[in-house]
Amino acid sequence: MIAELDTPSESPGACRLDAEELLAKRRAPASNERRLLLIDDQPSIHDAFRSILQPISNAAPDLAAMELALFGEPAALSSCGPDDSAPIYIIESAYQGEDGLRCLSRSLIENDIFHAAVVDMCMPPGWDGVETIRQLWNLCPGLKVIVCTAHSAYSWPDVVALLGRSDQLHLLPKPFSKADAMALIEAVTAC
């Protein structure tokens, strides 16, 4: 569940900033840190993205300890730890479009903006994906969005026509493979 956001007395649009201003005001994250806003009504999709983008790396110390106990010294391959330049994904979850907009608003206020948002097209009973993206872009026009959906009331050309642009819009159809999700998210969040 998303905590309620204390918003200023003005409308949420008061937090709107240009893409250049957002980049200039972004806090200084680790060079490989990438923040992702995930908006989908299915908890299993959130779990899937976390398992793909945030693999458990706690096994490495245990493996090294086992190698030491068994062989007296770590094997040569154990020095291959996690790549320090590999992206570290920080995922914030929202289960409805309205919650996602509150997350985005809070991130702008805190100068801790998202590199991209992943948005489902069908999220009853609230906003659909098109309305969610429209609201996100009203607040943050430079936000990159990945549409992740299995079925939609709209075709891709309809989505682009309704939103009026496609320069920051990408598609990841469900079901997706781990490789497809990783490749697209890495490409979209790289800049």
N, C-alpha and C. Protein backbone atom coordinates (compact mmCIF):
# COMPACT_ATOMS: atom_id res chain seq x y z
N MET A 1 0.84 -1.18 0.00
CA MET A 1 0.00 0.00 0.00
C MET A 1 0.88 1.23 0.00
N ILE A 2 0.49 2.25 -0.71
CA ILE A 2 1.26 3.47 -0.84
C ILE A 2 0.83 4.44 0.27
N ALA A 3 1.82 5.01 0.93
CA ALA A 3 1.51 5.99 1.97
C ALA A 3 0.93 7.25 1.32
N GLU A 4 0.05 7.90 2.03
CA GLU A 4 -0.55 9.14 1.52
C GLU A 4 0.52 10.21 1.43
N LEU A 5 0.45 11.01 0.41
CA LEU A 5 1.41 12.08 0.17
C LEU A 5 0.85 13.39 0.70
N ASP A 6 1.65 14.08 1.50
CA ASP A 6 1.27 15.43 1.93
C ASP A 6 1.62 16.36 0.78
N THR A 7 0.60 16.87 0.10
CA THR A 7 0.84 17.72 -1.06
C THR A 7 0.68 19.17 -0.67
N PRO A 8 1.38 20.03 -1.40
CA PRO A 8 1.19 21.46 -1.15
C PRO A 8 -0.25 21.86 -1.46
N SER A 9 -0.65 23.02 -0.99
CA SER A 9 -2.03 23.44 -1.19
C SER A 9 -2.35 23.68 -2.65
N GLU A 10 -1.33 23.90 -3.49
CA GLU A 10 -1.60 24.08 -4.91
C GLU A 10 -1.93 22.73 -5.54
N SER A 11 -2.32 22.78 -6.79
CA SER A 11 -2.63 21.55 -7.51
C SER A 11 -1.35 20.76 -7.75
N PRO A 12 -1.46 19.43 -8.02
CA PRO A 12 -0.28 18.63 -8.29
C PRO A 12 0.56 19.19 -9.44
N GLY A 13 -0.06 19.90 -10.37
CA GLY A 13 0.66 20.48 -11.48
C GLY A 13 1.68 21.53 -11.04
N ALA A 14 1.56 22.00 -9.80
CA ALA A 14 2.50 22.99 -9.30
C ALA A 14 3.90 22.41 -9.17
N CYS A 15 4.03 21.09 -9.14
CA CYS A 15 5.32 20.45 -9.01
C CYS A 15 5.96 20.18 -10.37
N ARG A 16 5.28 20.54 -11.43
CA ARG A 16 5.76 20.25 -12.78
C ARG A 16 7.06 20.99 -13.08
N LEU A 17 8.03 20.26 -13.63
CA LEU A 17 9.30 20.85 -14.01
C LEU A 17 9.65 20.40 -15.42
N ASP A 18 10.46 21.19 -16.12
CA ASP A 18 10.95 20.80 -17.43
C ASP A 18 11.91 19.63 -17.28
N ALA A 19 12.10 18.89 -18.37
CA ALA A 19 13.04 17.76 -18.34
C ALA A 19 14.44 18.23 -17.98
N GLU A 20 14.88 19.38 -18.51
CA GLU A 20 16.21 19.90 -18.21
C GLU A 20 16.33 20.26 -16.73
N GLU A 21 15.29 20.87 -16.18
CA GLU A 21 15.31 21.21 -14.76
C GLU A 21 15.36 19.96 -13.90
N LEU A 22 14.59 18.93 -14.32
CA LEU A 22 14.58 17.69 -13.56
C LEU A 22 15.97 17.07 -13.53
N LEU A 23 16.63 17.03 -14.68
CA LEU A 23 17.96 16.45 -14.73
C LEU A 23 18.94 17.26 -13.89
N ALA A 24 18.82 18.57 -13.91
CA ALA A 24 19.72 19.43 -13.14
C ALA A 24 19.48 19.29 -11.64
N LYS A 25 18.24 19.06 -11.24
CA LYS A 25 17.90 19.01 -9.83
C LYS A 25 17.95 17.61 -9.23
N ARG A 26 18.13 16.59 -10.08
CA ARG A 26 18.17 15.22 -9.59
C ARG A 26 19.29 15.10 -8.57
N ARG A 27 19.00 14.45 -7.46
CA ARG A 27 20.04 14.24 -6.46
C ARG A 27 21.14 13.42 -7.09
N ALA A 28 22.29 13.39 -6.51
CA ALA A 28 23.42 12.67 -7.08
C ALA A 28 23.37 11.21 -6.65
N PRO A 29 22.71 10.36 -7.45
CA PRO A 29 22.65 8.94 -7.09
C PRO A 29 23.97 8.27 -7.46
N ALA A 30 24.13 7.04 -7.02
CA ALA A 30 25.26 6.26 -7.50
C ALA A 30 25.17 6.23 -9.02
N SER A 31 26.30 6.23 -9.67
CA SER A 31 26.30 6.32 -11.13
C SER A 31 25.54 5.18 -11.79
N ASN A 32 25.39 4.08 -11.09
CA ASN A 32 24.69 2.95 -11.68
C ASN A 32 23.29 2.74 -11.10
N GLU A 33 22.82 3.68 -10.29
CA GLU A 33 21.49 3.56 -9.68
C GLU A 33 20.42 4.05 -10.65
N ARG A 34 19.38 3.24 -10.83
CA ARG A 34 18.27 3.61 -11.71
C ARG A 34 16.95 3.38 -10.98
N ARG A 35 16.17 4.46 -10.88
CA ARG A 35 14.88 4.40 -10.17
C ARG A 35 13.76 4.14 -11.16
N LEU A 36 12.91 3.20 -10.80
CA LEU A 36 11.83 2.77 -11.67
C LEU A 36 10.51 2.83 -10.90
N LEU A 37 9.50 3.46 -11.50
CA LEU A 37 8.15 3.50 -10.93
C LEU A 37 7.33 2.43 -11.65
N LEU A 38 6.84 1.46 -10.91
CA LEU A 38 6.07 0.36 -11.48
C LEU A 38 4.61 0.52 -11.08
N ILE A 39 3.74 0.71 -12.10
CA ILE A 39 2.30 0.91 -11.85
C ILE A 39 1.55 -0.22 -12.53
N ASP A 40 1.07 -1.17 -11.73
CA ASP A 40 0.35 -2.33 -12.23
C ASP A 40 -0.52 -2.85 -11.09
N ASP A 41 -1.74 -3.26 -11.40
CA ASP A 41 -2.65 -3.72 -10.36
C ASP A 41 -2.40 -5.15 -9.90
N GLN A 42 -1.49 -5.87 -10.56
CA GLN A 42 -1.23 -7.27 -10.21
C GLN A 42 0.07 -7.39 -9.41
N PRO A 43 -0.02 -7.79 -8.14
CA PRO A 43 1.19 -7.95 -7.33
C PRO A 43 2.21 -8.92 -7.96
N SER A 44 1.73 -9.91 -8.70
CA SER A 44 2.66 -10.87 -9.32
C SER A 44 3.57 -10.19 -10.34
N ILE A 45 3.10 -9.14 -10.99
CA ILE A 45 3.94 -8.40 -11.95
C ILE A 45 5.03 -7.64 -11.19
N HIS A 46 4.68 -7.08 -10.05
CA HIS A 46 5.68 -6.40 -9.22
C HIS A 46 6.75 -7.40 -8.77
N ASP A 47 6.30 -8.60 -8.37
CA ASP A 47 7.24 -9.65 -7.96
C ASP A 47 8.14 -10.06 -9.12
N ALA A 48 7.56 -10.18 -10.30
CA ALA A 48 8.35 -10.58 -11.48
C ALA A 48 9.43 -9.55 -11.79
N PHE A 49 9.07 -8.27 -11.78
CA PHE A 49 10.07 -7.24 -12.06
C PHE A 49 11.16 -7.22 -10.99
N ARG A 50 10.77 -7.40 -9.73
CA ARG A 50 11.78 -7.43 -8.67
C ARG A 50 12.72 -8.62 -8.84
N SER A 51 12.19 -9.78 -9.20
CA SER A 51 13.06 -10.95 -9.36
C SER A 51 13.99 -10.78 -10.56
N ILE A 52 13.56 -10.06 -11.58
CA ILE A 52 14.40 -9.82 -12.76
C ILE A 52 15.42 -8.73 -12.50
N LEU A 53 15.00 -7.63 -11.89
CA LEU A 53 15.86 -6.45 -11.76
C LEU A 53 16.62 -6.37 -10.44
N GLN A 54 16.15 -7.10 -9.43
CA GLN A 54 16.81 -7.06 -8.13
C GLN A 54 17.12 -8.48 -7.67
N PRO A 55 17.98 -9.19 -8.41
CA PRO A 55 18.27 -10.57 -8.03
C PRO A 55 18.93 -10.62 -6.66
N ILE A 56 18.68 -11.68 -5.95
CA ILE A 56 19.24 -11.84 -4.61
C ILE A 56 20.73 -12.12 -4.75
N SER A 57 21.55 -11.30 -4.14
CA SER A 57 23.00 -11.48 -4.24
C SER A 57 23.60 -11.91 -2.91
N ASN A 58 22.75 -12.28 -1.96
CA ASN A 58 23.26 -12.69 -0.66
C ASN A 58 23.93 -14.05 -0.69
N ALA A 59 23.75 -14.82 -1.77
CA ALA A 59 24.33 -16.15 -1.85
C ALA A 59 25.84 -16.09 -2.02
N ALA A 60 26.39 -15.03 -2.58
CA ALA A 60 27.82 -14.94 -2.86
C ALA A 60 28.67 -15.10 -1.60
N PRO A 61 28.39 -14.39 -0.48
CA PRO A 61 29.20 -14.58 0.72
C PRO A 61 29.11 -16.01 1.24
N ASP A 62 27.93 -16.62 1.19
CA ASP A 62 27.77 -17.99 1.65
C ASP A 62 28.59 -18.95 0.80
N LEU A 63 28.60 -18.72 -0.51
CA LEU A 63 29.37 -19.55 -1.42
C LEU A 63 30.86 -19.43 -1.12
N ALA A 64 31.33 -18.23 -0.88
CA ALA A 64 32.73 -18.02 -0.56
C ALA A 64 33.10 -18.73 0.74
N ALA A 65 32.22 -18.67 1.74
CA ALA A 65 32.47 -19.35 3.01
C ALA A 65 32.51 -20.86 2.82
N MET A 66 31.63 -21.38 2.00
CA MET A 66 31.63 -22.83 1.71
C MET A 66 32.91 -23.24 0.99
N GLU A 67 33.34 -22.44 0.02
CA GLU A 67 34.57 -22.74 -0.70
C GLU A 67 35.76 -22.76 0.25
N LEU A 68 35.78 -21.80 1.16
CA LEU A 68 36.87 -21.71 2.13
C LEU A 68 36.88 -22.95 3.02
N ALA A 69 35.69 -23.36 3.49
CA ALA A 69 35.59 -24.54 4.35
C ALA A 69 35.97 -25.81 3.61
N LEU A 70 35.57 -25.95 2.34
CA LEU A 70 35.82 -27.16 1.57
C LEU A 70 37.24 -27.23 1.01
N PHE A 71 37.72 -26.12 0.48
CA PHE A 71 38.97 -26.14 -0.28
C PHE A 71 40.12 -25.41 0.42
N GLY A 72 39.84 -24.74 1.51
CA GLY A 72 40.90 -24.03 2.20
C GLY A 72 41.16 -22.64 1.65
N GLU A 73 40.73 -22.37 0.45
CA GLU A 73 40.84 -21.04 -0.14
C GLU A 73 39.75 -20.88 -1.18
N PRO A 74 39.31 -19.68 -1.40
CA PRO A 74 38.27 -19.47 -2.41
C PRO A 74 38.79 -19.85 -3.78
N ALA A 75 37.92 -20.43 -4.58
CA ALA A 75 38.28 -20.77 -5.95
C ALA A 75 38.53 -19.50 -6.75
N ALA A 76 39.29 -19.60 -7.82
CA ALA A 76 39.64 -18.42 -8.62
C ALA A 76 38.41 -17.72 -9.17
N LEU A 77 37.37 -18.49 -9.50
CA LEU A 77 36.18 -17.88 -10.07
C LEU A 77 35.38 -17.07 -9.06
N SER A 78 35.58 -17.32 -7.78
CA SER A 78 34.78 -16.60 -6.78
C SER A 78 35.14 -15.12 -6.73
N SER A 79 36.27 -14.73 -7.31
CA SER A 79 36.61 -13.31 -7.33
C SER A 79 35.73 -12.53 -8.30
N CYS A 80 34.93 -13.25 -9.07
CA CYS A 80 34.02 -12.59 -10.00
C CYS A 80 32.76 -12.21 -9.24
N GLY A 81 32.80 -11.12 -8.54
CA GLY A 81 31.66 -10.65 -7.78
C GLY A 81 30.74 -9.84 -8.68
N PRO A 82 29.77 -9.18 -8.10
CA PRO A 82 28.87 -8.37 -8.91
C PRO A 82 29.64 -7.26 -9.59
N ASP A 83 29.24 -6.95 -10.80
CA ASP A 83 29.87 -5.89 -11.59
C ASP A 83 29.47 -4.55 -11.00
N ASP A 84 30.47 -3.77 -10.55
CA ASP A 84 30.18 -2.48 -9.93
C ASP A 84 29.51 -1.51 -10.88
N SER A 85 29.63 -1.74 -12.19
CA SER A 85 29.00 -0.84 -13.15
C SER A 85 27.61 -1.32 -13.56
N ALA A 86 27.23 -2.51 -13.13
CA ALA A 86 25.90 -3.03 -13.47
C ALA A 86 24.84 -2.15 -12.81
N PRO A 87 23.74 -1.92 -13.50
CA PRO A 87 22.68 -1.08 -12.91
C PRO A 87 22.12 -1.66 -11.62
N ILE A 88 21.85 -0.79 -10.69
CA ILE A 88 21.16 -1.16 -9.46
C ILE A 88 19.78 -0.53 -9.57
N TYR A 89 18.75 -1.35 -9.59
CA TYR A 89 17.39 -0.84 -9.78
C TYR A 89 16.70 -0.66 -8.44
N ILE A 90 16.15 0.51 -8.27
CA ILE A 90 15.31 0.81 -7.11
C ILE A 90 13.90 0.92 -7.66
N ILE A 91 13.04 0.02 -7.22
CA ILE A 91 11.68 -0.05 -7.75
C ILE A 91 10.70 0.45 -6.71
N GLU A 92 9.87 1.40 -7.12
CA GLU A 92 8.78 1.86 -6.26
C GLU A 92 7.48 1.36 -6.88
N SER A 93 6.66 0.73 -6.07
CA SER A 93 5.42 0.12 -6.56
C SER A 93 4.20 0.96 -6.29
N ALA A 94 3.32 0.98 -7.28
CA ALA A 94 1.99 1.57 -7.14
C ALA A 94 1.04 0.60 -7.84
N TYR A 95 -0.15 0.42 -7.28
CA TYR A 95 -1.08 -0.58 -7.81
C TYR A 95 -2.25 0.03 -8.58
N GLN A 96 -2.30 1.35 -8.61
CA GLN A 96 -3.30 2.09 -9.38
C GLN A 96 -2.64 3.35 -9.92
N GLY A 97 -3.18 3.89 -11.00
CA GLY A 97 -2.62 5.08 -11.62
C GLY A 97 -2.55 6.27 -10.68
N GLU A 98 -3.59 6.45 -9.88
CA GLU A 98 -3.61 7.57 -8.95
C GLU A 98 -2.47 7.48 -7.95
N ASP A 99 -2.21 6.26 -7.46
CA ASP A 99 -1.10 6.06 -6.53
C ASP A 99 0.23 6.34 -7.22
N GLY A 100 0.34 5.94 -8.47
CA GLY A 100 1.56 6.21 -9.23
C GLY A 100 1.82 7.69 -9.38
N LEU A 101 0.76 8.45 -9.63
CA LEU A 101 0.90 9.90 -9.75
C LEU A 101 1.37 10.51 -8.43
N ARG A 102 0.86 10.02 -7.30
CA ARG A 102 1.32 10.51 -6.00
C ARG A 102 2.80 10.18 -5.79
N CYS A 103 3.22 8.98 -6.21
CA CYS A 103 4.64 8.61 -6.09
C CYS A 103 5.51 9.54 -6.93
N LEU A 104 5.08 9.82 -8.15
CA LEU A 104 5.84 10.70 -9.02
C LEU A 104 5.89 12.11 -8.43
N SER A 105 4.79 12.60 -7.93
CA SER A 105 4.74 13.94 -7.33
C SER A 105 5.70 14.02 -6.15
N ARG A 106 5.68 13.03 -5.30
CA ARG A 106 6.58 13.01 -4.15
C ARG A 106 8.04 12.98 -4.60
N SER A 107 8.33 12.18 -5.64
CA SER A 107 9.72 12.08 -6.11
C SER A 107 10.20 13.43 -6.66
N LEU A 108 9.32 14.18 -7.30
CA LEU A 108 9.70 15.49 -7.82
C LEU A 108 9.95 16.48 -6.69
N ILE A 109 9.11 16.43 -5.68
CA ILE A 109 9.27 17.32 -4.52
C ILE A 109 10.59 17.02 -3.81
N GLU A 110 10.95 15.74 -3.73
CA GLU A 110 12.17 15.33 -3.04
C GLU A 110 13.40 15.33 -3.96
N ASN A 111 13.23 15.76 -5.22
CA ASN A 111 14.33 15.75 -6.20
C ASN A 111 14.96 14.37 -6.31
N ASP A 112 14.14 13.36 -6.29
CA ASP A 112 14.59 11.97 -6.36
C ASP A 112 13.77 11.29 -7.46
N ILE A 113 13.90 11.80 -8.67
CA ILE A 113 13.00 11.43 -9.75
C ILE A 113 13.29 10.04 -10.31
N PHE A 114 12.32 9.55 -11.03
CA PHE A 114 12.40 8.24 -11.65
C PHE A 114 13.06 8.33 -13.02
N HIS A 115 13.83 7.31 -13.36
CA HIS A 115 14.41 7.22 -14.69
C HIS A 115 13.35 6.80 -15.70
N ALA A 116 12.35 6.03 -15.24
CA ALA A 116 11.27 5.57 -16.11
C ALA A 116 10.12 5.05 -15.27
N ALA A 117 8.97 4.92 -15.92
CA ALA A 117 7.80 4.30 -15.30
C ALA A 117 7.36 3.15 -16.18
N VAL A 118 6.93 2.07 -15.55
CA VAL A 118 6.33 0.93 -16.25
C VAL A 118 4.86 0.98 -15.90
N VAL A 119 4.00 1.03 -16.93
CA VAL A 119 2.56 1.24 -16.70
C VAL A 119 1.75 0.16 -17.42
N ASP A 120 0.85 -0.47 -16.69
CA ASP A 120 -0.10 -1.42 -17.27
C ASP A 120 -1.24 -0.63 -17.92
N MET A 121 -1.88 -1.21 -18.91
CA MET A 121 -2.98 -0.53 -19.60
C MET A 121 -4.33 -0.75 -18.93
N CYS A 122 -4.48 -1.87 -18.25
CA CYS A 122 -5.78 -2.22 -17.67
C CYS A 122 -5.62 -2.38 -16.15
N MET A 123 -6.15 -1.41 -15.38
CA MET A 123 -6.01 -1.44 -13.93
C MET A 123 -7.33 -1.07 -13.25
N PRO A 124 -8.35 -1.91 -13.40
CA PRO A 124 -9.62 -1.57 -12.76
C PRO A 124 -9.46 -1.49 -11.25
N PRO A 125 -10.20 -0.67 -10.57
CA PRO A 125 -11.32 0.14 -11.00
C PRO A 125 -10.91 1.57 -11.34
N GLY A 126 -9.62 1.88 -11.29
CA GLY A 126 -9.17 3.27 -11.46
C GLY A 126 -8.87 3.64 -12.89
N TRP A 127 -7.92 4.56 -13.03
CA TRP A 127 -7.51 5.03 -14.35
C TRP A 127 -6.96 3.88 -15.18
N ASP A 128 -7.17 3.95 -16.48
CA ASP A 128 -6.51 2.98 -17.36
C ASP A 128 -5.09 3.51 -17.64
N GLY A 129 -4.32 2.75 -18.40
CA GLY A 129 -2.94 3.13 -18.68
C GLY A 129 -2.81 4.44 -19.42
N VAL A 130 -3.69 4.69 -20.39
CA VAL A 130 -3.60 5.93 -21.16
C VAL A 130 -3.81 7.14 -20.24
N GLU A 131 -4.82 7.10 -19.39
CA GLU A 131 -5.06 8.22 -18.47
C GLU A 131 -3.91 8.35 -17.46
N THR A 132 -3.40 7.23 -17.01
CA THR A 132 -2.27 7.26 -16.07
C THR A 132 -1.07 7.95 -16.71
N ILE A 133 -0.73 7.54 -17.94
CA ILE A 133 0.41 8.14 -18.64
C ILE A 133 0.17 9.62 -18.90
N ARG A 134 -1.05 9.96 -19.29
CA ARG A 134 -1.39 11.37 -19.53
C ARG A 134 -1.14 12.20 -18.26
N GLN A 135 -1.58 11.68 -17.11
CA GLN A 135 -1.39 12.40 -15.85
C GLN A 135 0.08 12.47 -15.45
N LEU A 136 0.82 11.37 -15.66
CA LEU A 136 2.25 11.37 -15.36
C LEU A 136 2.97 12.41 -16.21
N TRP A 137 2.65 12.46 -17.51
CA TRP A 137 3.29 13.42 -18.41
C TRP A 137 2.85 14.85 -18.15
N ASN A 138 1.64 15.07 -17.63
CA ASN A 138 1.23 16.42 -17.24
C ASN A 138 2.14 16.94 -16.13
N LEU A 139 2.52 16.04 -15.25
CA LEU A 139 3.36 16.40 -14.12
C LEU A 139 4.85 16.42 -14.49
N CYS A 140 5.26 15.49 -15.35
CA CYS A 140 6.68 15.34 -15.71
C CYS A 140 6.77 14.95 -17.18
N PRO A 141 6.77 15.92 -18.08
CA PRO A 141 6.74 15.64 -19.52
C PRO A 141 7.90 14.81 -20.04
N GLY A 142 9.04 14.84 -19.37
CA GLY A 142 10.20 14.10 -19.85
C GLY A 142 10.28 12.67 -19.37
N LEU A 143 9.31 12.21 -18.59
CA LEU A 143 9.34 10.86 -18.03
C LEU A 143 9.25 9.82 -19.15
N LYS A 144 10.16 8.87 -19.14
CA LYS A 144 10.11 7.75 -20.08
C LYS A 144 9.13 6.72 -19.54
N VAL A 145 8.28 6.19 -20.43
CA VAL A 145 7.24 5.25 -20.01
C VAL A 145 7.34 3.98 -20.82
N ILE A 146 7.29 2.86 -20.12
CA ILE A 146 7.22 1.54 -20.75
C ILE A 146 5.81 1.02 -20.50
N VAL A 147 5.07 0.82 -21.58
CA VAL A 147 3.73 0.23 -21.49
C VAL A 147 3.93 -1.28 -21.41
N CYS A 148 3.43 -1.88 -20.34
CA CYS A 148 3.57 -3.32 -20.14
C CYS A 148 2.17 -3.90 -19.99
N THR A 149 1.68 -4.58 -21.04
CA THR A 149 0.30 -5.02 -21.01
C THR A 149 0.11 -6.31 -21.79
N ALA A 150 -0.88 -7.09 -21.38
CA ALA A 150 -1.24 -8.32 -22.10
C ALA A 150 -2.40 -8.04 -23.04
N HIS A 151 -3.28 -7.19 -22.63
CA HIS A 151 -4.43 -6.83 -23.46
C HIS A 151 -4.84 -5.40 -23.14
N SER A 152 -5.37 -4.76 -24.11
CA SER A 152 -5.72 -3.36 -23.94
C SER A 152 -6.93 -3.05 -24.81
N ALA A 153 -7.67 -2.07 -24.38
CA ALA A 153 -8.79 -1.61 -25.20
C ALA A 153 -8.30 -0.80 -26.39
N TYR A 154 -6.99 -0.49 -26.40
CA TYR A 154 -6.41 0.36 -27.44
C TYR A 154 -5.33 -0.41 -28.20
N SER A 155 -5.23 -0.14 -29.49
CA SER A 155 -4.08 -0.63 -30.26
C SER A 155 -2.92 0.33 -30.00
N TRP A 156 -1.71 -0.07 -30.39
CA TRP A 156 -0.56 0.80 -30.19
C TRP A 156 -0.74 2.14 -30.91
N PRO A 157 -1.19 2.14 -32.18
CA PRO A 157 -1.43 3.44 -32.84
C PRO A 157 -2.47 4.28 -32.11
N ASP A 158 -3.50 3.63 -31.52
CA ASP A 158 -4.50 4.37 -30.74
C ASP A 158 -3.85 5.02 -29.51
N VAL A 159 -2.99 4.27 -28.83
CA VAL A 159 -2.32 4.80 -27.63
C VAL A 159 -1.50 6.04 -28.00
N VAL A 160 -0.72 5.92 -29.07
CA VAL A 160 0.11 7.05 -29.51
C VAL A 160 -0.77 8.24 -29.90
N ALA A 161 -1.86 7.98 -30.62
CA ALA A 161 -2.76 9.06 -31.03
C ALA A 161 -3.41 9.73 -29.81
N LEU A 162 -3.84 8.94 -28.84
CA LEU A 162 -4.48 9.50 -27.65
C LEU A 162 -3.51 10.31 -26.80
N LEU A 163 -2.25 9.88 -26.75
CA LEU A 163 -1.26 10.59 -25.94
C LEU A 163 -0.60 11.73 -26.71
N GLY A 164 -0.68 11.68 -28.03
CA GLY A 164 -0.15 12.75 -28.85
C GLY A 164 1.34 12.71 -29.11
N ARG A 165 2.01 11.68 -28.61
CA ARG A 165 3.45 11.57 -28.83
C ARG A 165 3.92 10.16 -28.52
N SER A 166 5.08 9.81 -29.05
CA SER A 166 5.64 8.50 -28.76
C SER A 166 7.13 8.56 -28.46
N ASP A 167 7.69 9.78 -28.37
CA ASP A 167 9.13 9.91 -28.18
C ASP A 167 9.63 9.35 -26.86
N GLN A 168 8.81 9.28 -25.85
CA GLN A 168 9.20 8.74 -24.54
C GLN A 168 8.40 7.48 -24.19
N LEU A 169 7.87 6.81 -25.21
CA LEU A 169 6.96 5.69 -24.99
C LEU A 169 7.53 4.43 -25.60
N HIS A 170 7.49 3.33 -24.85
CA HIS A 170 8.03 2.05 -25.28
C HIS A 170 7.04 0.96 -24.91
N LEU A 171 7.14 -0.20 -25.58
CA LEU A 171 6.19 -1.29 -25.35
C LEU A 171 6.92 -2.55 -24.92
N LEU A 172 6.42 -3.18 -23.83
CA LEU A 172 6.88 -4.48 -23.37
C LEU A 172 5.63 -5.34 -23.20
N PRO A 173 5.31 -6.18 -24.21
CA PRO A 173 4.08 -6.98 -24.10
C PRO A 173 4.20 -8.10 -23.06
N LYS A 174 3.10 -8.36 -22.36
CA LYS A 174 3.00 -9.49 -21.44
C LYS A 174 2.48 -10.69 -22.24
N PRO A 175 2.91 -11.87 -21.97
CA PRO A 175 4.01 -12.20 -21.06
C PRO A 175 5.34 -11.82 -21.70
N PHE A 176 6.29 -11.47 -20.85
CA PHE A 176 7.60 -11.06 -21.36
C PHE A 176 8.66 -12.00 -20.80
N SER A 177 9.75 -12.11 -21.53
CA SER A 177 10.86 -12.91 -21.04
C SER A 177 11.76 -12.04 -20.18
N LYS A 178 12.54 -12.68 -19.34
CA LYS A 178 13.49 -11.96 -18.50
C LYS A 178 14.45 -11.15 -19.38
N ALA A 179 14.93 -11.77 -20.45
CA ALA A 179 15.89 -11.09 -21.35
C ALA A 179 15.27 -9.87 -22.01
N ASP A 180 14.02 -9.98 -22.48
CA ASP A 180 13.35 -8.84 -23.11
C ASP A 180 13.14 -7.70 -22.12
N ALA A 181 12.70 -8.04 -20.91
CA ALA A 181 12.46 -7.01 -19.89
C ALA A 181 13.76 -6.31 -19.52
N MET A 182 14.81 -7.10 -19.28
CA MET A 182 16.11 -6.51 -18.91
C MET A 182 16.65 -5.61 -20.00
N ALA A 183 16.62 -6.09 -21.24
CA ALA A 183 17.17 -5.32 -22.35
C ALA A 183 16.44 -3.99 -22.52
N LEU A 184 15.11 -4.02 -22.49
CA LEU A 184 14.34 -2.79 -22.69
C LEU A 184 14.55 -1.83 -21.52
N ILE A 185 14.47 -2.31 -20.30
CA ILE A 185 14.60 -1.44 -19.14
C ILE A 185 16.01 -0.86 -19.06
N GLU A 186 17.01 -1.66 -19.37
CA GLU A 186 18.38 -1.12 -19.36
C GLU A 186 18.54 -0.03 -20.41
N ALA A 187 17.99 -0.27 -21.61
CA ALA A 187 18.10 0.72 -22.69
C ALA A 187 17.35 2.02 -22.35
N VAL A 188 16.15 1.89 -21.82
CA VAL A 188 15.31 3.06 -21.55
C VAL A 188 15.87 3.88 -20.38
N THR A 189 16.43 3.22 -19.38
CA THR A 189 16.90 3.94 -18.20
C THR A 189 18.37 4.35 -18.28
N ALA A 190 19.04 3.99 -19.37
CA ALA A 190 20.48 4.25 -19.47
C ALA A 190 20.83 5.73 -19.54
N CYS A 191 19.96 6.56 -20.10
CA CYS A 191 20.33 7.98 -20.21
C CYS A 191 19.58 8.81 -19.22
